[in-house]
Amino acid sequence: MLGQLKLVADDSHALQVDGRRSLIRRSCLTRFAHRLASVNLMRTPPKMRGANRIRLPVVDCDAWNDENGIVTVWGLLLCGIVEAVVQCRRAVDPALLAELRDILVVVLKSPDQRLYVMALVDVVLASIGAWVQSARWDDDSLANFCLTFGFVVEMIVDSFRDVNEHDSTASRQLVDSLSKLILVCLKQEEVKVARLGCSTFRHLLVSCGAQFDFATWQSVSSHLTEALSITRSPIVSLIRQFVEGDDDIRGKDKLSRDKIPTSRQHAEPWN
């Protein structure tokens, strides 16, 4: 089973094409996810031979290494399908996102919800963050990103109550990771990405704010302060061009329309 799963997860490009081949791959992923879910429910789950040799592209590899190798195999499955979404150069197949959602729902229903938070934080959000930072935006990549990011945010918002009831520390980690990703979006020169970050922050606060504890609100407030600093930085830079008593509408640096500062990469404090 592990060898077959490795082939399915590694062949991520096969998930990016249309037709019968893609459908076969997705059906394999669904079948493996349900098999793993049934293994999770066993009192004495079997050991996944060879799982200790798998190296996942995640920050904290130790957290994905368990005694039986089941968590590692989950990581392999999730990394494969997320990579297929992130690296897709054409329009993302909505069925592929539906497949990812179904697998995450299976993980959410597992006895250990820590795995669900790890899947979102270490694999999904981390991959999207790397995608944003390295992207060269065009119409296709923008459409793919907006579709994928919106799907992930809705997944987090819809499941937040369940996660929070079981483990408030895990839910706080989820909100913190999403907030950091939003800040990455706000720093992008692409306006659509930055606006999506703003609307996502508002959606998160309106939908889940009532369930935040004090520690979560502290974390969110810190990120919100940074977000405000990032978004108003171009305005601050522009205002500083004008001094009292100067009648030149172009400011002290003789700004023209194409030289107006727009960078949000380094936020400046309001002095």
C-alpha atoms as a PDB file:
ATOM      1  CA  MET A   1       0.000   0.000   0.000  1.00  0.00           C
ATOM      2  CA  LEU A   2       2.769   2.459   0.949  1.00  0.00           C
ATOM      3  CA  GLY A   3       4.636   1.838  -2.297  1.00  0.00           C
ATOM      4  CA  GLN A   4       1.485   2.470  -4.355  1.00  0.00           C
ATOM      5  CA  LEU A   5       0.742   5.647  -2.410  1.00  0.00           C
ATOM      6  CA  LYS A   6       4.288   6.908  -3.018  1.00  0.00           C
ATOM      7  CA  LEU A   7       3.757   6.528  -6.758  1.00  0.00           C
ATOM      8  CA  VAL A   8       0.432   8.376  -6.633  1.00  0.00           C
ATOM      9  CA  ALA A   9       1.726  11.242  -4.475  1.00  0.00           C
ATOM     10  CA  ASP A  10       4.993  11.663  -6.377  1.00  0.00           C
ATOM     11  CA  ASP A  11       3.342  11.805  -9.804  1.00  0.00           C
ATOM     12  CA  SER A  12       1.801  15.190  -9.082  1.00  0.00           C
ATOM     13  CA  HIS A  13       1.813  16.252 -12.733  1.00  0.00           C
ATOM     14  CA  ALA A  14      -0.674  13.504 -13.531  1.00  0.00           C
ATOM     15  CA  LEU A  15      -3.138  15.307 -11.279  1.00  0.00           C
ATOM     16  CA  GLN A  16      -2.886  18.469 -13.353  1.00  0.00           C
ATOM     17  CA  VAL A  17      -4.197  17.055 -16.612  1.00  0.00           C
ATOM     18  CA  ASP A  18      -7.767  16.542 -17.708  1.00  0.00           C
ATOM     19  CA  GLY A  19      -9.308  13.260 -18.701  1.00  0.00           C
ATOM     20  CA  ARG A  20      -9.419   9.658 -17.595  1.00  0.00           C
ATOM     21  CA  ARG A  21      -5.887   9.557 -16.209  1.00  0.00           C
ATOM     22  CA  SER A  22      -6.587  12.395 -13.768  1.00  0.00           C
ATOM     23  CA  LEU A  23      -9.823  10.759 -12.637  1.00  0.00           C
ATOM     24  CA  ILE A  24      -8.005   7.500 -11.948  1.00  0.00           C
ATOM     25  CA  ARG A  25      -5.369   9.289  -9.864  1.00  0.00           C
ATOM     26  CA  ARG A  26      -7.988  11.134  -7.830  1.00  0.00           C
ATOM     27  CA  SER A  27      -9.938   7.947  -7.164  1.00  0.00           C
ATOM     28  CA  CYS A  28      -6.690   6.391  -5.895  1.00  0.00           C
ATOM     29  CA  LEU A  29      -6.153   9.290  -3.508  1.00  0.00           C
ATOM     30  CA  THR A  30      -9.678   8.975  -2.151  1.00  0.00           C
ATOM     31  CA  ARG A  31      -9.301   5.247  -1.647  1.00  0.00           C
ATOM     32  CA  PHE A  32      -5.992   5.653   0.193  1.00  0.00           C
ATOM     33  CA  ALA A  33      -7.406   8.407   2.414  1.00  0.00           C
ATOM     34  CA  HIS A  34     -10.295   6.216   3.545  1.00  0.00           C
ATOM     35  CA  ARG A  35      -7.923   3.312   4.131  1.00  0.00           C
ATOM     36  CA  LEU A  36      -5.711   5.472   6.314  1.00  0.00           C
ATOM     37  CA  ALA A  37      -8.754   6.744   8.199  1.00  0.00           C
ATOM     38  CA  SER A  38      -9.816   3.175   8.984  1.00  0.00           C
ATOM     39  CA  VAL A  39      -6.277   2.411  10.153  1.00  0.00           C
ATOM     40  CA  ASN A  40      -6.417   5.403  12.511  1.00  0.00           C
ATOM     41  CA  LEU A  41      -9.453   3.898  14.233  1.00  0.00           C
ATOM     42  CA  MET A  42      -7.725   0.588  15.027  1.00  0.00           C
ATOM     43  CA  ARG A  43      -6.753  -0.031  18.643  1.00  0.00           C
ATOM     44  CA  THR A  44      -3.410  -1.411  17.533  1.00  0.00           C
ATOM     45  CA  PRO A  45      -2.686   0.097  14.116  1.00  0.00           C
ATOM     46  CA  PRO A  46      -0.182  -1.717  11.891  1.00  0.00           C
ATOM     47  CA  LYS A  47       3.234  -0.278  11.180  1.00  0.00           C
ATOM     48  CA  MET A  48       3.830   1.257   7.783  1.00  0.00           C
ATOM     49  CA  ARG A  49       7.034  -0.337   6.591  1.00  0.00           C
ATOM     50  CA  GLY A  50       9.384   2.108   4.930  1.00  0.00           C
ATOM     51  CA  ALA A  51       7.628   5.194   6.313  1.00  0.00           C
ATOM     52  CA  ASN A  52      10.749   6.109   8.282  1.00  0.00           C
ATOM     53  CA  ARG A  53      12.618   6.607   4.998  1.00  0.00           C
ATOM     54  CA  ILE A  54      10.154   9.212   3.710  1.00  0.00           C
ATOM     55  CA  ARG A  55      11.371  12.823   3.874  1.00  0.00           C
ATOM     56  CA  LEU A  56       8.526  15.301   3.685  1.00  0.00           C
ATOM     57  CA  PRO A  57       9.022  18.898   2.490  1.00  0.00           C
ATOM     58  CA  VAL A  58       7.748  20.375   5.775  1.00  0.00           C
ATOM     59  CA  VAL A  59       9.393  22.646   8.318  1.00  0.00           C
ATOM     60  CA  ASP A  60       9.041  20.368  11.345  1.00  0.00           C
ATOM     61  CA  CYS A  61       9.777  16.865  10.073  1.00  0.00           C
ATOM     62  CA  ASP A  62       9.928  15.408  13.599  1.00  0.00           C
ATOM     63  CA  ALA A  63       6.244  16.191  14.184  1.00  0.00           C
ATOM     64  CA  TRP A  64       5.354  14.025  11.165  1.00  0.00           C
ATOM     65  CA  ASN A  65       7.383  11.019  12.330  1.00  0.00           C
ATOM     66  CA  ASP A  66       5.338   8.689  14.513  1.00  0.00           C
ATOM     67  CA  GLU A  67       5.975   5.181  15.777  1.00  0.00           C
ATOM     68  CA  ASN A  68       3.683   3.460  13.272  1.00  0.00           C
ATOM     69  CA  GLY A  69       4.404   5.741  10.324  1.00  0.00           C
ATOM     70  CA  ILE A  70       0.728   6.569   9.785  1.00  0.00           C
ATOM     71  CA  VAL A  71       1.195  10.319  10.273  1.00  0.00           C
ATOM     72  CA  THR A  72       4.102  10.256   7.812  1.00  0.00           C
ATOM     73  CA  VAL A  73       1.930   8.556   5.202  1.00  0.00           C
ATOM     74  CA  TRP A  74      -0.792  11.166   5.717  1.00  0.00           C
ATOM     75  CA  GLY A  75       1.874  13.806   5.113  1.00  0.00           C
ATOM     76  CA  LEU A  76       2.960  12.085   1.899  1.00  0.00           C
ATOM     77  CA  LEU A  77      -0.611  11.993   0.631  1.00  0.00           C
ATOM     78  CA  LEU A  78      -1.290  15.647   1.474  1.00  0.00           C
ATOM     79  CA  CYS A  79       2.032  16.945   0.117  1.00  0.00           C
ATOM     80  CA  GLY A  80       1.372  15.191  -3.191  1.00  0.00           C
ATOM     81  CA  ILE A  81      -2.047  16.697  -3.810  1.00  0.00           C
ATOM     82  CA  VAL A  82      -1.135  20.179  -2.497  1.00  0.00           C
ATOM     83  CA  GLU A  83       1.925  20.227  -4.746  1.00  0.00           C
ATOM     84  CA  ALA A  84      -0.321  19.371  -7.686  1.00  0.00           C
ATOM     85  CA  VAL A  85      -2.519  22.385  -6.911  1.00  0.00           C
ATOM     86  CA  VAL A  86       0.304  24.855  -6.248  1.00  0.00           C
ATOM     87  CA  GLN A  87       2.415  23.901  -9.268  1.00  0.00           C
ATOM     88  CA  CYS A  88      -0.462  23.826 -11.745  1.00  0.00           C
ATOM     89  CA  ARG A  89       0.337  26.263 -14.556  1.00  0.00           C
ATOM     90  CA  ARG A  90      -3.097  26.082 -16.129  1.00  0.00           C
ATOM     91  CA  ALA A  91      -6.544  26.487 -14.596  1.00  0.00           C
ATOM     92  CA  VAL A  92      -6.811  24.370 -11.462  1.00  0.00           C
ATOM     93  CA  ASP A  93      -9.342  21.573 -11.828  1.00  0.00           C
ATOM     94  CA  PRO A  94     -12.105  22.275  -9.237  1.00  0.00           C
ATOM     95  CA  ALA A  95     -12.424  18.511  -8.786  1.00  0.00           C
ATOM     96  CA  LEU A  96      -8.846  18.469  -7.500  1.00  0.00           C
ATOM     97  CA  LEU A  97      -9.694  21.056  -4.835  1.00  0.00           C
ATOM     98  CA  ALA A  98     -12.782  19.025  -3.953  1.00  0.00           C
ATOM     99  CA  GLU A  99     -10.498  16.018  -3.549  1.00  0.00           C
ATOM    100  CA  LEU A 100      -8.243  17.972  -1.191  1.00  0.00           C
ATOM    101  CA  ARG A 101     -11.284  19.118   0.794  1.00  0.00           C
ATOM    102  CA  ASP A 102     -12.596  15.555   1.114  1.00  0.00           C
ATOM    103  CA  ILE A 103      -9.222  14.325   2.354  1.00  0.00           C
ATOM    104  CA  LEU A 104      -8.976  17.158   4.897  1.00  0.00           C
ATOM    105  CA  VAL A 105     -12.496  16.333   6.114  1.00  0.00           C
ATOM    106  CA  VAL A 106     -11.405  12.728   6.626  1.00  0.00           C
ATOM    107  CA  VAL A 107      -8.406  13.974   8.629  1.00  0.00           C
ATOM    108  CA  LEU A 108     -10.635  16.320  10.662  1.00  0.00           C
ATOM    109  CA  LYS A 109     -12.827  13.400  11.694  1.00  0.00           C
ATOM    110  CA  SER A 110      -9.857  11.355  12.868  1.00  0.00           C
ATOM    111  CA  PRO A 111      -9.419  10.862  16.646  1.00  0.00           C
ATOM    112  CA  ASP A 112      -6.326  13.085  16.724  1.00  0.00           C
ATOM    113  CA  GLN A 113      -7.307  16.545  15.454  1.00  0.00           C
ATOM    114  CA  ARG A 114      -3.725  17.663  15.915  1.00  0.00           C
ATOM    115  CA  LEU A 115      -3.089  15.984  12.569  1.00  0.00           C
ATOM    116  CA  TYR A 116      -5.688  18.223  10.894  1.00  0.00           C
ATOM    117  CA  VAL A 117      -4.008  21.381  12.198  1.00  0.00           C
ATOM    118  CA  MET A 118      -0.589  20.053  11.170  1.00  0.00           C
ATOM    119  CA  ALA A 119      -1.939  19.323   7.688  1.00  0.00           C
ATOM    120  CA  LEU A 120      -3.232  22.871   7.267  1.00  0.00           C
ATOM    121  CA  VAL A 121      -0.304  24.682   8.911  1.00  0.00           C
ATOM    122  CA  ASP A 122       2.708  22.614   7.802  1.00  0.00           C
ATOM    123  CA  VAL A 123       1.510  21.553   4.350  1.00  0.00           C
ATOM    124  CA  VAL A 124      -1.358  23.639   2.962  1.00  0.00           C
ATOM    125  CA  LEU A 125      -0.660  27.134   4.339  1.00  0.00           C
ATOM    126  CA  ALA A 126       3.117  26.715   4.102  1.00  0.00           C
ATOM    127  CA  SER A 127       2.833  25.692   0.436  1.00  0.00           C
ATOM    128  CA  ILE A 128       0.544  28.606  -0.380  1.00  0.00           C
ATOM    129  CA  GLY A 129       2.935  30.984   1.391  1.00  0.00           C
ATOM    130  CA  ALA A 130       5.863  29.743  -0.716  1.00  0.00           C
ATOM    131  CA  TRP A 131       3.655  30.051  -3.792  1.00  0.00           C
ATOM    132  CA  VAL A 132       2.838  33.705  -3.069  1.00  0.00           C
ATOM    133  CA  GLN A 133       6.441  34.684  -2.375  1.00  0.00           C
ATOM    134  CA  SER A 134       7.794  33.128  -5.565  1.00  0.00           C
ATOM    135  CA  ALA A 135       4.888  33.794  -7.948  1.00  0.00           C
ATOM    136  CA  ARG A 136       5.080  35.783 -11.141  1.00  0.00           C
ATOM    137  CA  TRP A 137       1.472  36.787 -11.460  1.00  0.00           C
ATOM    138  CA  ASP A 138      -0.506  36.475 -14.681  1.00  0.00           C
ATOM    139  CA  ASP A 139      -4.210  35.909 -15.297  1.00  0.00           C
ATOM    140  CA  ASP A 140      -4.017  32.118 -14.848  1.00  0.00           C
ATOM    141  CA  SER A 141      -1.866  32.174 -11.716  1.00  0.00           C
ATOM    142  CA  LEU A 142      -4.055  34.882 -10.146  1.00  0.00           C
ATOM    143  CA  ALA A 143      -7.219  32.905 -10.842  1.00  0.00           C
ATOM    144  CA  ASN A 144      -5.653  29.719  -9.439  1.00  0.00           C
ATOM    145  CA  PHE A 145      -4.429  31.484  -6.325  1.00  0.00           C
ATOM    146  CA  CYS A 146      -7.738  33.224  -5.579  1.00  0.00           C
ATOM    147  CA  LEU A 147      -9.645  29.967  -6.026  1.00  0.00           C
ATOM    148  CA  THR A 148      -7.235  27.917  -3.899  1.00  0.00           C
ATOM    149  CA  PHE A 149      -6.780  30.489  -1.146  1.00  0.00           C
ATOM    150  CA  GLY A 150     -10.521  31.093  -0.881  1.00  0.00           C
ATOM    151  CA  PHE A 151     -11.125  27.367  -0.609  1.00  0.00           C
ATOM    152  CA  VAL A 152      -8.542  26.989   2.192  1.00  0.00           C
ATOM    153  CA  VAL A 153      -9.883  29.974   4.143  1.00  0.00           C
ATOM    154  CA  GLU A 154     -13.433  28.613   4.005  1.00  0.00           C
ATOM    155  CA  MET A 155     -12.114  25.235   5.161  1.00  0.00           C
ATOM    156  CA  ILE A 156     -10.462  26.873   8.179  1.00  0.00           C
ATOM    157  CA  VAL A 157     -13.473  29.038   9.043  1.00  0.00           C
ATOM    158  CA  ASP A 158     -15.936  26.150   8.754  1.00  0.00           C
ATOM    159  CA  SER A 159     -13.856  23.826  10.945  1.00  0.00           C
ATOM    160  CA  PHE A 160     -12.649  26.385  13.502  1.00  0.00           C
ATOM    161  CA  ARG A 161     -15.386  25.711  16.049  1.00  0.00           C
ATOM    162  CA  ASP A 162     -14.724  21.951  16.083  1.00  0.00           C
ATOM    163  CA  VAL A 163     -10.970  22.430  16.423  1.00  0.00           C
ATOM    164  CA  ASN A 164     -11.365  25.101  19.112  1.00  0.00           C
ATOM    165  CA  GLU A 165     -13.652  22.914  21.230  1.00  0.00           C
ATOM    166  CA  HIS A 166     -11.082  20.107  21.264  1.00  0.00           C
ATOM    167  CA  ASP A 167      -7.850  22.095  21.542  1.00  0.00           C
ATOM    168  CA  SER A 168      -7.706  25.876  21.913  1.00  0.00           C
ATOM    169  CA  THR A 169      -3.914  25.851  21.459  1.00  0.00           C
ATOM    170  CA  ALA A 170      -4.272  24.140  18.080  1.00  0.00           C
ATOM    171  CA  SER A 171      -6.957  26.588  16.939  1.00  0.00           C
ATOM    172  CA  ARG A 172      -4.736  29.489  18.016  1.00  0.00           C
ATOM    173  CA  GLN A 173      -1.894  28.054  15.945  1.00  0.00           C
ATOM    174  CA  LEU A 174      -4.242  27.790  12.968  1.00  0.00           C
ATOM    175  CA  VAL A 175      -5.345  31.433  13.232  1.00  0.00           C
ATOM    176  CA  ASP A 176      -1.767  32.594  13.765  1.00  0.00           C
ATOM    177  CA  SER A 177      -0.519  30.775  10.649  1.00  0.00           C
ATOM    178  CA  LEU A 178      -3.376  32.104   8.508  1.00  0.00           C
ATOM    179  CA  SER A 179      -2.753  35.646   9.783  1.00  0.00           C
ATOM    180  CA  LYS A 180       0.931  35.403   8.831  1.00  0.00           C
ATOM    181  CA  LEU A 181      -0.037  34.246   5.350  1.00  0.00           C
ATOM    182  CA  ILE A 182      -2.424  37.200   5.046  1.00  0.00           C
ATOM    183  CA  LEU A 183       0.460  39.549   5.877  1.00  0.00           C
ATOM    184  CA  VAL A 184       2.505  37.954   3.097  1.00  0.00           C
ATOM    185  CA  CYS A 185      -0.386  38.658   0.710  1.00  0.00           C
ATOM    186  CA  LEU A 186      -0.602  42.297   1.836  1.00  0.00           C
ATOM    187  CA  LYS A 187       3.060  42.827   0.926  1.00  0.00           C
ATOM    188  CA  GLN A 188       2.493  41.791  -2.680  1.00  0.00           C
ATOM    189  CA  GLU A 189       2.658  44.401  -5.423  1.00  0.00           C
ATOM    190  CA  GLU A 190      -0.201  42.623  -7.202  1.00  0.00           C
ATOM    191  CA  VAL A 191      -3.290  44.547  -6.059  1.00  0.00           C
ATOM    192  CA  LYS A 192      -5.696  41.598  -6.349  1.00  0.00           C
ATOM    193  CA  VAL A 193      -3.574  39.500  -4.000  1.00  0.00           C
ATOM    194  CA  ALA A 194      -3.253  42.334  -1.464  1.00  0.00           C
ATOM    195  CA  ARG A 195      -7.005  43.037  -1.574  1.00  0.00           C
ATOM    196  CA  LEU A 196      -7.727  39.348  -1.099  1.00  0.00           C
ATOM    197  CA  GLY A 197      -5.546  39.439   2.013  1.00  0.00           C
ATOM    198  CA  CYS A 198      -7.551  42.387   3.413  1.00  0.00           C
ATOM    199  CA  SER A 199     -10.922  40.761   2.753  1.00  0.00           C
ATOM    200  CA  THR A 200      -9.691  37.466   4.219  1.00  0.00           C
ATOM    201  CA  PHE A 201      -8.622  39.147   7.450  1.00  0.00           C
ATOM    202  CA  ARG A 202     -12.054  40.748   7.773  1.00  0.00           C
ATOM    203  CA  HIS A 203     -13.800  37.447   6.988  1.00  0.00           C
ATOM    204  CA  LEU A 204     -11.732  35.631   9.630  1.00  0.00           C
ATOM    205  CA  LEU A 205     -12.529  38.179  12.343  1.00  0.00           C
ATOM    206  CA  VAL A 206     -16.246  38.390  11.525  1.00  0.00           C
ATOM    207  CA  SER A 207     -16.709  34.609  11.239  1.00  0.00           C
ATOM    208  CA  CYS A 208     -14.520  33.360  14.100  1.00  0.00           C
ATOM    209  CA  GLY A 209     -13.806  36.377  16.322  1.00  0.00           C
ATOM    210  CA  ALA A 210     -16.552  35.541  18.805  1.00  0.00           C
ATOM    211  CA  GLN A 211     -14.833  32.209  19.520  1.00  0.00           C
ATOM    212  CA  PHE A 212     -11.334  33.638  20.086  1.00  0.00           C
ATOM    213  CA  ASP A 213      -9.900  33.432  23.584  1.00  0.00           C
ATOM    214  CA  PHE A 214      -7.748  36.164  25.102  1.00  0.00           C
ATOM    215  CA  ALA A 215      -4.452  34.705  23.853  1.00  0.00           C
ATOM    216  CA  THR A 216      -5.809  34.362  20.307  1.00  0.00           C
ATOM    217  CA  TRP A 217      -7.023  37.963  20.309  1.00  0.00           C
ATOM    218  CA  GLN A 218      -3.598  39.115  21.463  1.00  0.00           C
ATOM    219  CA  SER A 219      -1.992  37.307  18.536  1.00  0.00           C
ATOM    220  CA  VAL A 220      -4.572  38.600  16.042  1.00  0.00           C
ATOM    221  CA  SER A 221      -4.255  42.159  17.343  1.00  0.00           C
ATOM    222  CA  SER A 222      -0.498  42.032  16.820  1.00  0.00           C
ATOM    223  CA  HIS A 223      -0.953  40.839  13.232  1.00  0.00           C
ATOM    224  CA  LEU A 224      -3.682  43.418  12.620  1.00  0.00           C
ATOM    225  CA  THR A 225      -1.365  46.209  13.782  1.00  0.00           C
ATOM    226  CA  GLU A 226       1.292  44.986  11.350  1.00  0.00           C
ATOM    227  CA  ALA A 227      -1.311  44.767   8.573  1.00  0.00           C
ATOM    228  CA  LEU A 228      -2.327  48.383   9.154  1.00  0.00           C
ATOM    229  CA  SER A 229       1.304  49.436   9.042  1.00  0.00           C
ATOM    230  CA  ILE A 230       1.843  47.581   5.755  1.00  0.00           C
ATOM    231  CA  THR A 231      -1.241  48.933   4.000  1.00  0.00           C
ATOM    232  CA  ARG A 232      -0.745  52.566   4.976  1.00  0.00           C
ATOM    233  CA  SER A 233       2.990  52.627   4.234  1.00  0.00           C
ATOM    234  CA  PRO A 234       2.554  53.980   0.652  1.00  0.00           C
ATOM    235  CA  ILE A 235       0.255  56.724   1.951  1.00  0.00           C
ATOM    236  CA  VAL A 236       2.758  57.691   4.659  1.00  0.00           C
ATOM    237  CA  SER A 237       5.538  57.833   2.063  1.00  0.00           C
ATOM    238  CA  LEU A 238       3.403  60.031  -0.182  1.00  0.00           C
ATOM    239  CA  ILE A 239       2.348  62.432   2.603  1.00  0.00           C
ATOM    240  CA  ARG A 240       5.969  62.930   3.652  1.00  0.00           C
ATOM    241  CA  GLN A 241       6.668  64.419   0.226  1.00  0.00           C
ATOM    242  CA  PHE A 242       4.715  67.530   1.184  1.00  0.00           C
ATOM    243  CA  VAL A 243       5.836  70.093   3.732  1.00  0.00           C
ATOM    244  CA  GLU A 244       4.087  73.124   5.147  1.00  0.00           C
ATOM    245  CA  GLY A 245       4.489  76.216   3.031  1.00  0.00           C
ATOM    246  CA  ASP A 246       5.453  74.342  -0.168  1.00  0.00           C
ATOM    247  CA  ASP A 247       3.102  75.216  -3.023  1.00  0.00           C
ATOM    248  CA  ASP A 248       4.504  72.638  -5.487  1.00  0.00           C
ATOM    249  CA  ILE A 249       1.836  69.939  -5.958  1.00  0.00           C
ATOM    250  CA  ARG A 250       4.555  67.451  -6.940  1.00  0.00           C
ATOM    251  CA  GLY A 251       6.113  67.457  -3.470  1.00  0.00           C
ATOM    252  CA  LYS A 252       9.717  67.962  -2.430  1.00  0.00           C
ATOM    253  CA  ASP A 253      10.965  65.144  -4.724  1.00  0.00           C
ATOM    254  CA  LYS A 254       9.036  66.498  -7.720  1.00  0.00           C
ATOM    255  CA  LEU A 255       6.887  63.357  -8.003  1.00  0.00           C
ATOM    256  CA  SER A 256       5.269  62.409 -11.266  1.00  0.00           C
ATOM    257  CA  ARG A 257       2.430  59.926 -11.570  1.00  0.00           C
ATOM    258  CA  ASP A 258       4.735  57.030 -12.399  1.00  0.00           C
ATOM    259  CA  LYS A 259       7.004  57.754  -9.418  1.00  0.00           C
ATOM    260  CA  ILE A 260       4.386  57.731  -6.689  1.00  0.00           C
ATOM    261  CA  PRO A 261       5.551  55.202  -4.034  1.00  0.00           C
ATOM    262  CA  THR A 262       3.465  52.038  -3.956  1.00  0.00           C
ATOM    263  CA  SER A 263       5.763  49.472  -2.305  1.00  0.00           C
ATOM    264  CA  ARG A 264       4.357  47.634   0.706  1.00  0.00           C
ATOM    265  CA  GLN A 265       7.415  45.433   1.220  1.00  0.00           C
ATOM    266  CA  HIS A 266       8.737  47.407   4.202  1.00  0.00           C
ATOM    267  CA  ALA A 267       6.135  49.080   6.348  1.00  0.00           C
ATOM    268  CA  GLU A 268       7.133  52.357   7.983  1.00  0.00           C
ATOM    269  CA  PRO A 269       5.756  53.419  11.380  1.00  0.00           C
ATOM    270  CA  TRP A 270       3.440  56.390  11.534  1.00  0.00           C
ATOM    271  CA  ASN A 271       5.427  59.243  13.153  1.00  0.00           C
END
